[in-house]
N, C-alpha and C. Protein backbone atom coordinates (compact mmCIF):
# COMPACT_ATOMS: atom_id res chain seq x y z
N MET A 1 86.27 99.89 69.93
CA MET A 1 85.01 100.40 70.55
C MET A 1 84.35 99.45 71.49
N LEU A 2 83.94 100.10 72.60
CA LEU A 2 83.29 99.38 73.65
C LEU A 2 81.89 99.66 73.80
N ALA A 3 81.10 98.66 74.41
CA ALA A 3 79.53 99.22 74.90
C ALA A 3 79.85 99.38 76.33
N GLU A 4 78.77 99.87 77.01
CA GLU A 4 78.99 100.31 78.42
C GLU A 4 79.22 99.05 79.30
N ASP A 5 78.95 98.01 78.90
CA ASP A 5 79.35 96.79 79.67
C ASP A 5 80.76 96.26 79.43
N LEU A 6 81.62 96.97 78.59
CA LEU A 6 83.00 96.88 78.21
C LEU A 6 83.26 95.61 77.28
N SER A 7 82.05 95.26 76.51
CA SER A 7 82.12 94.33 75.60
C SER A 7 82.61 94.99 74.37
N VAL A 8 83.33 94.29 73.54
CA VAL A 8 83.82 94.95 72.18
C VAL A 8 82.85 94.90 71.20
N VAL A 9 82.71 96.12 70.69
CA VAL A 9 81.56 96.23 69.72
C VAL A 9 82.34 96.26 68.28
N ALA A 10 83.58 97.01 68.16
CA ALA A 10 84.29 97.13 66.96
C ALA A 10 85.75 97.24 67.40
N ILE A 11 86.72 96.79 66.34
CA ILE A 11 88.05 96.86 66.74
C ILE A 11 88.75 96.94 65.30
N THR A 12 89.67 97.68 65.40
CA THR A 12 90.80 98.06 64.18
C THR A 12 91.73 96.75 64.18
N PRO A 13 92.35 96.56 62.69
CA PRO A 13 93.39 95.53 62.73
C PRO A 13 94.61 95.99 63.58
N ALA A 14 94.85 97.29 63.69
CA ALA A 14 95.96 97.75 64.49
C ALA A 14 95.79 97.51 66.01
N ALA A 15 94.63 97.70 66.60
CA ALA A 15 94.18 97.46 67.89
C ALA A 15 94.28 95.85 68.29
N GLU A 16 93.82 95.07 67.32
CA GLU A 16 93.89 93.78 67.43
C GLU A 16 95.40 93.07 67.67
N ARG A 17 96.15 93.73 66.82
CA ARG A 17 97.69 93.62 66.84
C ARG A 17 98.34 93.85 68.25
N TRP A 18 98.03 95.12 68.66
CA TRP A 18 98.33 95.63 69.87
C TRP A 18 97.92 94.48 71.15
N LEU A 19 96.67 94.33 70.92
CA LEU A 19 96.00 93.55 72.05
C LEU A 19 96.81 92.21 72.20
N ALA A 20 97.15 91.50 71.09
CA ALA A 20 97.89 90.32 70.88
C ALA A 20 99.09 90.39 71.60
N GLU A 21 99.67 91.41 71.97
CA GLU A 21 100.88 91.63 72.79
C GLU A 21 100.68 91.83 74.15
N VAL A 22 99.47 92.01 74.61
CA VAL A 22 99.29 92.07 76.04
C VAL A 22 99.55 90.70 76.92
N ALA A 23 100.33 90.99 77.92
CA ALA A 23 100.79 89.77 78.43
C ALA A 23 99.66 88.97 79.29
N GLU A 24 99.81 87.63 79.47
CA GLU A 24 98.62 86.85 80.00
C GLU A 24 98.34 87.31 81.49
N ALA A 25 99.48 87.85 82.13
CA ALA A 25 99.02 88.36 83.56
C ALA A 25 98.22 89.52 83.47
N ASP A 26 98.27 90.39 82.51
CA ASP A 26 97.37 91.55 82.35
C ASP A 26 96.15 91.37 81.93
N TRP A 27 95.92 90.11 81.26
CA TRP A 27 94.67 89.78 80.67
C TRP A 27 94.29 88.43 80.71
N PRO A 28 93.93 88.07 81.99
CA PRO A 28 93.34 86.56 82.06
C PRO A 28 92.33 86.18 81.21
N GLY A 29 92.42 84.92 80.73
CA GLY A 29 91.49 84.64 79.62
C GLY A 29 90.05 84.81 79.76
N LYS A 30 89.52 84.90 80.94
CA LYS A 30 88.00 85.01 81.21
C LYS A 30 87.73 86.50 81.15
N ARG A 31 88.46 87.38 81.07
CA ARG A 31 87.96 89.01 80.83
C ARG A 31 87.93 89.20 79.38
N ALA A 32 86.79 90.22 79.18
CA ALA A 32 86.71 90.62 77.79
C ALA A 32 87.66 91.33 77.34
N VAL A 33 88.35 92.10 78.23
CA VAL A 33 89.29 93.32 77.86
C VAL A 33 90.34 93.11 78.81
N PRO A 34 91.65 93.52 78.49
CA PRO A 34 92.69 93.60 79.48
C PRO A 34 92.47 94.35 80.73
N TYR A 35 93.37 94.14 81.87
CA TYR A 35 93.11 95.16 82.83
C TYR A 35 93.27 96.62 82.69
N ALA A 36 94.24 96.71 81.60
CA ALA A 36 94.69 98.22 81.24
C ALA A 36 93.56 98.93 80.73
N VAL A 37 92.84 98.11 79.92
CA VAL A 37 91.60 98.85 79.11
C VAL A 37 90.56 99.10 80.08
N SER A 38 90.10 98.05 81.03
CA SER A 38 89.05 98.42 82.02
C SER A 38 89.60 99.44 82.98
N ALA A 39 90.84 99.72 83.17
CA ALA A 39 91.33 100.76 84.12
C ALA A 39 91.08 102.01 83.70
N VAL A 40 91.66 102.26 82.19
CA VAL A 40 91.39 103.51 81.48
C VAL A 40 89.94 103.99 81.51
N VAL A 41 89.22 102.84 81.21
CA VAL A 41 87.64 103.28 81.12
C VAL A 41 86.93 103.51 82.34
N GLY A 42 87.53 102.86 83.34
CA GLY A 42 87.19 103.10 84.77
C GLY A 42 87.37 104.60 85.18
N ARG A 43 88.61 105.07 84.79
CA ARG A 43 88.95 106.42 85.16
C ARG A 43 88.06 107.41 84.31
N MET A 44 87.78 107.08 82.99
CA MET A 44 86.92 108.02 82.37
C MET A 44 85.55 108.03 82.97
N LEU A 45 84.95 106.73 83.50
CA LEU A 45 83.72 106.94 83.96
C LEU A 45 83.73 107.84 85.26
N ALA A 46 84.67 107.78 85.97
CA ALA A 46 84.99 108.27 87.23
C ALA A 46 84.81 109.85 86.94
N LEU A 47 85.65 110.32 85.92
CA LEU A 47 85.68 111.72 85.51
C LEU A 47 84.35 112.04 84.99
N GLU A 48 83.66 111.29 84.44
CA GLU A 48 82.32 111.74 83.74
C GLU A 48 81.43 111.94 84.88
N GLN A 49 81.51 111.33 86.07
CA GLN A 49 80.56 111.38 87.15
C GLN A 49 81.12 112.56 88.06
N GLY A 50 82.22 113.16 87.55
CA GLY A 50 82.69 114.45 88.31
C GLY A 50 83.33 114.15 89.66
N GLU A 51 83.74 112.96 89.98
CA GLU A 51 84.31 112.39 91.11
C GLU A 51 85.41 113.40 91.76
N ASP A 52 86.20 113.90 90.64
CA ASP A 52 87.35 114.79 91.15
C ASP A 52 87.17 116.07 90.76
N GLY A 53 86.07 116.44 90.08
CA GLY A 53 85.86 117.92 89.51
C GLY A 53 86.59 118.33 88.12
N GLN A 54 87.14 117.18 87.64
CA GLN A 54 87.97 117.51 86.24
C GLN A 54 87.29 116.48 85.20
N SER A 55 86.03 116.93 84.85
CA SER A 55 85.40 115.99 83.87
C SER A 55 85.86 116.29 82.32
N ASP A 56 86.64 117.41 82.14
CA ASP A 56 87.27 117.69 80.89
C ASP A 56 88.53 116.98 80.46
N LEU A 57 89.10 116.15 81.49
CA LEU A 57 90.29 115.45 81.14
C LEU A 57 90.14 114.29 80.34
N LEU A 58 91.22 113.74 79.48
CA LEU A 58 91.14 112.55 78.87
C LEU A 58 92.03 111.66 79.62
N PRO A 59 91.33 110.39 80.18
CA PRO A 59 92.26 109.74 80.74
C PRO A 59 93.30 108.96 80.04
N ARG A 60 94.42 108.82 80.68
CA ARG A 60 95.65 108.12 79.73
C ARG A 60 96.10 107.03 80.62
N LEU A 61 96.62 105.97 80.24
CA LEU A 61 97.61 104.98 80.83
C LEU A 61 98.50 104.36 79.95
N ARG A 62 99.63 104.16 80.63
CA ARG A 62 100.79 103.59 79.90
C ARG A 62 100.90 101.98 80.26
N LEU A 63 101.18 101.39 79.18
CA LEU A 63 101.16 99.93 79.31
C LEU A 63 102.36 99.17 78.53
N HIS A 64 103.09 98.38 79.30
CA HIS A 64 104.24 97.82 78.91
C HIS A 64 103.78 96.27 78.12
N THR A 65 103.96 96.18 76.95
CA THR A 65 103.61 94.82 76.39
C THR A 65 104.54 93.88 76.43
N ALA A 66 104.01 92.67 76.44
CA ALA A 66 104.76 91.49 76.43
C ALA A 66 106.19 91.35 75.52
N SER A 67 106.06 92.18 74.46
CA SER A 67 107.06 92.30 73.59
C SER A 67 108.00 93.24 73.79
N GLY A 68 107.68 94.27 74.89
CA GLY A 68 108.66 95.07 75.38
C GLY A 68 108.25 96.68 74.66
N HIS A 69 107.22 96.78 73.99
CA HIS A 69 106.90 98.04 73.61
C HIS A 69 106.23 98.79 74.71
N TRP A 70 106.09 99.96 74.59
CA TRP A 70 105.26 100.84 75.62
C TRP A 70 104.11 101.47 74.85
N LEU A 71 102.85 101.33 75.34
CA LEU A 71 101.92 101.93 74.78
C LEU A 71 100.99 103.02 75.57
N VAL A 72 100.48 103.86 75.08
CA VAL A 72 99.56 104.98 76.04
C VAL A 72 97.99 104.62 75.30
N LEU A 73 97.34 104.29 76.26
CA LEU A 73 95.79 104.01 76.08
C LEU A 73 95.01 105.37 76.47
N HIS A 74 94.27 105.81 75.70
CA HIS A 74 93.09 106.71 75.90
C HIS A 74 91.63 106.36 75.87
N ALA A 75 90.86 106.82 76.88
CA ALA A 75 89.46 106.47 76.61
C ALA A 75 88.55 107.82 76.43
N SER A 76 87.58 107.71 75.69
CA SER A 76 86.58 108.72 75.42
C SER A 76 85.32 108.15 75.14
N ARG A 77 84.20 108.87 75.55
CA ARG A 77 83.01 108.52 75.05
C ARG A 77 82.49 109.34 73.80
N LEU A 78 81.95 108.49 72.85
CA LEU A 78 81.26 109.00 71.77
C LEU A 78 80.16 109.65 71.95
N SER A 79 79.88 111.06 71.66
CA SER A 79 78.55 111.62 72.05
C SER A 79 77.35 111.14 71.31
N ALA A 80 77.74 110.69 70.06
CA ALA A 80 76.55 110.46 69.20
C ALA A 80 75.76 108.73 69.54
N THR A 81 76.69 108.05 70.14
CA THR A 81 76.25 106.58 70.28
C THR A 81 76.42 106.18 71.65
N GLY A 82 77.30 107.00 72.48
CA GLY A 82 77.46 106.64 73.86
C GLY A 82 78.46 105.51 74.13
N GLN A 83 79.24 105.10 72.93
CA GLN A 83 80.16 103.92 72.98
C GLN A 83 81.30 104.71 73.40
N ILE A 84 82.25 103.48 73.87
CA ILE A 84 83.71 104.09 74.42
C ILE A 84 84.81 103.79 73.55
N ALA A 85 85.39 104.79 73.28
CA ALA A 85 86.64 104.50 72.17
C ALA A 85 87.77 104.56 73.18
N VAL A 86 88.65 103.51 72.81
CA VAL A 86 89.93 103.28 73.46
C VAL A 86 90.91 103.37 72.32
N ILE A 87 91.81 104.39 72.55
CA ILE A 87 92.78 104.43 71.44
C ILE A 87 94.03 104.10 71.99
N PHE A 88 94.75 103.30 71.20
CA PHE A 88 96.11 102.70 71.62
C PHE A 88 97.05 103.51 70.74
N GLU A 89 98.15 103.94 71.20
CA GLU A 89 99.20 104.59 70.43
C GLU A 89 100.67 104.28 71.26
N VAL A 90 101.64 104.12 70.27
CA VAL A 90 102.87 104.07 70.68
C VAL A 90 103.49 105.22 71.74
N ALA A 91 104.00 105.01 72.82
CA ALA A 91 104.34 105.97 73.81
C ALA A 91 105.56 106.66 73.29
N TRP A 92 105.81 107.96 73.25
CA TRP A 92 106.88 108.64 73.18
C TRP A 92 107.96 108.57 74.16
N PRO A 93 109.23 108.45 73.95
CA PRO A 93 110.09 108.35 75.01
C PRO A 93 109.94 109.22 76.16
N ALA A 94 109.52 110.57 76.14
CA ALA A 94 109.31 111.47 77.23
C ALA A 94 108.21 110.86 78.12
N GLU A 95 107.35 109.97 77.55
CA GLU A 95 106.23 109.63 78.40
C GLU A 95 106.55 108.38 79.24
N ILE A 96 107.45 107.77 78.77
CA ILE A 96 107.94 106.47 79.63
C ILE A 96 109.31 106.65 80.26
N ALA A 97 110.01 107.85 80.02
CA ALA A 97 111.21 107.96 80.77
C ALA A 97 111.22 108.00 82.29
N PRO A 98 110.06 108.63 82.83
CA PRO A 98 109.84 108.49 84.46
C PRO A 98 109.71 107.12 84.88
N LEU A 99 109.33 106.26 83.90
CA LEU A 99 108.86 104.92 84.49
C LEU A 99 110.01 103.90 84.47
N ILE A 100 110.96 104.25 83.61
CA ILE A 100 112.23 103.16 83.27
C ILE A 100 113.56 103.76 83.91
N MET A 101 113.59 105.16 84.27
CA MET A 101 114.71 105.64 84.91
C MET A 101 114.55 106.67 85.98
N GLN A 102 115.58 106.91 86.68
CA GLN A 102 115.51 107.88 87.73
C GLN A 102 116.42 108.98 87.26
N TRP A 103 116.13 110.20 87.52
CA TRP A 103 117.18 111.15 86.90
C TRP A 103 117.23 112.43 88.16
N CYS A 104 118.24 113.25 88.09
CA CYS A 104 118.23 114.67 88.72
C CYS A 104 119.10 115.43 87.79
N THR A 105 118.90 116.64 88.10
CA THR A 105 119.48 117.60 87.06
C THR A 105 119.79 119.04 87.99
N GLY A 106 120.81 119.68 87.42
CA GLY A 106 121.14 120.96 87.95
C GLY A 106 122.02 121.82 87.24
N THR A 107 122.62 122.87 87.72
CA THR A 107 123.44 123.60 86.95
C THR A 107 124.76 123.93 87.60
N ALA A 108 125.69 123.95 86.79
CA ALA A 108 127.08 124.16 87.34
C ALA A 108 127.88 125.05 86.43
N LEU A 109 128.97 125.58 87.00
CA LEU A 109 129.72 126.44 86.07
C LEU A 109 130.95 125.82 85.71
N TRP A 110 131.36 126.01 84.42
CA TRP A 110 132.65 125.46 84.00
C TRP A 110 133.71 126.69 83.66
N TYR A 111 134.55 126.66 84.60
CA TYR A 111 135.72 127.49 84.51
C TYR A 111 136.78 127.40 83.74
N ARG A 112 137.27 128.21 82.82
CA ARG A 112 138.38 127.96 82.04
C ARG A 112 139.19 129.33 82.28
N ILE A 113 140.50 129.21 82.31
CA ILE A 113 141.48 130.39 82.53
C ILE A 113 141.19 131.13 81.18
N GLY A 114 141.14 132.63 81.56
CA GLY A 114 141.00 133.48 80.58
C GLY A 114 139.56 133.64 79.62
N HIS A 115 138.47 132.83 80.27
CA HIS A 115 137.25 132.67 79.73
C HIS A 115 136.17 133.20 80.92
N PRO A 116 135.25 133.83 80.57
CA PRO A 116 134.04 133.87 81.60
C PRO A 116 133.55 132.40 81.97
N PRO A 117 132.96 132.31 82.93
CA PRO A 117 132.28 131.06 83.62
C PRO A 117 131.14 130.64 82.53
N LEU A 118 131.09 129.56 82.29
CA LEU A 118 130.17 128.96 81.24
C LEU A 118 129.09 128.18 82.04
N PRO A 119 127.97 128.40 82.18
CA PRO A 119 126.86 127.59 82.77
C PRO A 119 126.59 126.16 82.05
N ILE A 120 126.58 125.26 82.78
CA ILE A 120 126.30 123.79 82.30
C ILE A 120 125.13 123.37 82.93
N ARG A 121 124.02 122.72 82.07
CA ARG A 121 123.20 121.93 82.55
C ARG A 121 123.63 120.57 82.79
N TRP A 122 123.36 119.79 83.88
CA TRP A 122 123.92 118.46 84.01
C TRP A 122 122.56 117.58 84.38
N VAL A 123 122.63 116.35 83.74
CA VAL A 123 121.58 115.39 84.15
C VAL A 123 122.19 114.11 84.40
N LEU A 124 121.82 113.63 85.61
CA LEU A 124 122.29 112.30 85.79
C LEU A 124 121.14 111.10 85.67
N THR A 125 121.56 110.06 85.05
CA THR A 125 120.27 109.16 84.99
C THR A 125 120.94 107.98 85.53
N ARG A 126 119.76 107.26 86.11
CA ARG A 126 120.05 105.90 86.49
C ARG A 126 118.89 104.96 86.48
N ASP A 127 119.27 103.81 86.19
CA ASP A 127 118.25 102.67 85.87
C ASP A 127 117.97 101.96 87.26
N PRO A 128 116.70 102.04 87.67
CA PRO A 128 116.54 101.40 89.09
C PRO A 128 116.61 99.86 89.18
N ALA A 129 116.59 99.42 87.94
CA ALA A 129 116.58 97.89 87.90
C ALA A 129 118.05 97.36 87.87
N GLY A 130 118.89 98.38 87.46
CA GLY A 130 120.34 98.16 87.26
C GLY A 130 120.80 97.69 85.94
N LYS A 131 119.88 97.60 85.03
CA LYS A 131 120.44 96.98 83.44
C LYS A 131 120.98 98.07 82.85
N ARG A 132 121.15 99.19 83.08
CA ARG A 132 121.83 100.15 82.35
C ARG A 132 122.87 100.80 83.19
N PRO A 133 124.06 101.44 82.67
CA PRO A 133 124.84 102.06 83.51
C PRO A 133 124.32 103.51 83.91
N VAL A 134 124.86 104.10 84.83
CA VAL A 134 124.56 105.61 85.21
C VAL A 134 125.16 106.36 84.22
N LYS A 135 124.48 107.40 83.70
CA LYS A 135 125.15 108.38 82.65
C LYS A 135 124.89 109.81 83.18
N ALA A 136 126.11 110.70 82.85
CA ALA A 136 126.05 112.07 83.21
C ALA A 136 125.91 112.73 81.69
N LEU A 137 124.98 113.69 81.60
CA LEU A 137 124.79 114.32 80.31
C LEU A 137 125.07 115.80 80.71
N LEU A 138 125.75 116.38 79.75
CA LEU A 138 126.04 117.78 80.00
C LEU A 138 125.65 118.71 78.89
N TYR A 139 125.10 119.81 79.10
CA TYR A 139 124.65 120.49 77.90
C TYR A 139 125.02 122.17 78.22
N THR A 140 125.12 122.88 77.16
CA THR A 140 125.48 124.30 77.47
C THR A 140 124.06 125.23 77.22
N ASP A 141 123.21 124.35 76.68
CA ASP A 141 121.88 125.21 76.45
C ASP A 141 121.01 125.15 77.74
N GLN A 142 120.87 126.21 78.65
CA GLN A 142 120.09 126.13 79.69
C GLN A 142 118.62 126.11 79.54
N ALA A 143 118.14 126.43 78.40
CA ALA A 143 116.61 126.47 78.04
C ALA A 143 116.33 124.98 77.90
N LEU A 144 117.11 124.13 77.53
CA LEU A 144 116.42 122.75 77.62
C LEU A 144 116.33 122.06 78.99
N SER A 145 115.00 121.34 78.82
CA SER A 145 114.51 120.73 79.97
C SER A 145 115.41 119.28 80.11
N ALA A 146 115.32 118.73 81.36
CA ALA A 146 116.06 117.55 81.61
C ALA A 146 115.46 116.40 80.72
N GLU A 147 114.04 116.27 80.49
CA GLU A 147 113.54 115.49 79.79
C GLU A 147 113.85 115.55 78.26
N THR A 148 114.13 116.67 77.71
CA THR A 148 114.52 116.84 76.37
C THR A 148 115.95 116.42 76.33
N ILE A 149 116.79 116.81 77.34
CA ILE A 149 118.22 116.12 77.22
C ILE A 149 118.27 114.85 77.22
N ILE A 150 117.23 114.10 78.10
CA ILE A 150 117.33 112.54 78.21
C ILE A 150 116.93 112.04 76.81
N CYS A 151 115.98 112.59 76.26
CA CYS A 151 115.33 111.94 75.01
C CYS A 151 116.07 112.38 73.59
N THR A 152 117.06 113.09 73.81
CA THR A 152 117.98 113.47 72.60
C THR A 152 119.17 112.67 72.46
């Protein structure tokens, strides 16, 4: 929980644990909160002032911790006190997939003698950092999105 000046008013034990994993580069010792927290709160303040006409949105930010976890931060103002709540949650794979891999998808037809053509959804994934091999994923369920295929 933050005051308007971004000073910490209250904090849960879970938030303390997550904050302990924020890298030094993302949180120089002189700042009250990490850059990620001030960024998500800054976005909330901009939305409140109607700078982009979408004041009903909940600002979100993804953060990669020093231990390798991905978090999603949300910021929202409490109507009763005016304080700012910053929520930390573990990111779902679908939320971080666009950050850690590139992918493309399409449909192909699989031809077999004596059978009608079978549509196949294909997804190619690539790690831009080159740490993981390129993968080709094939599915016969055309209703599945590429994101669903990648995360299963």
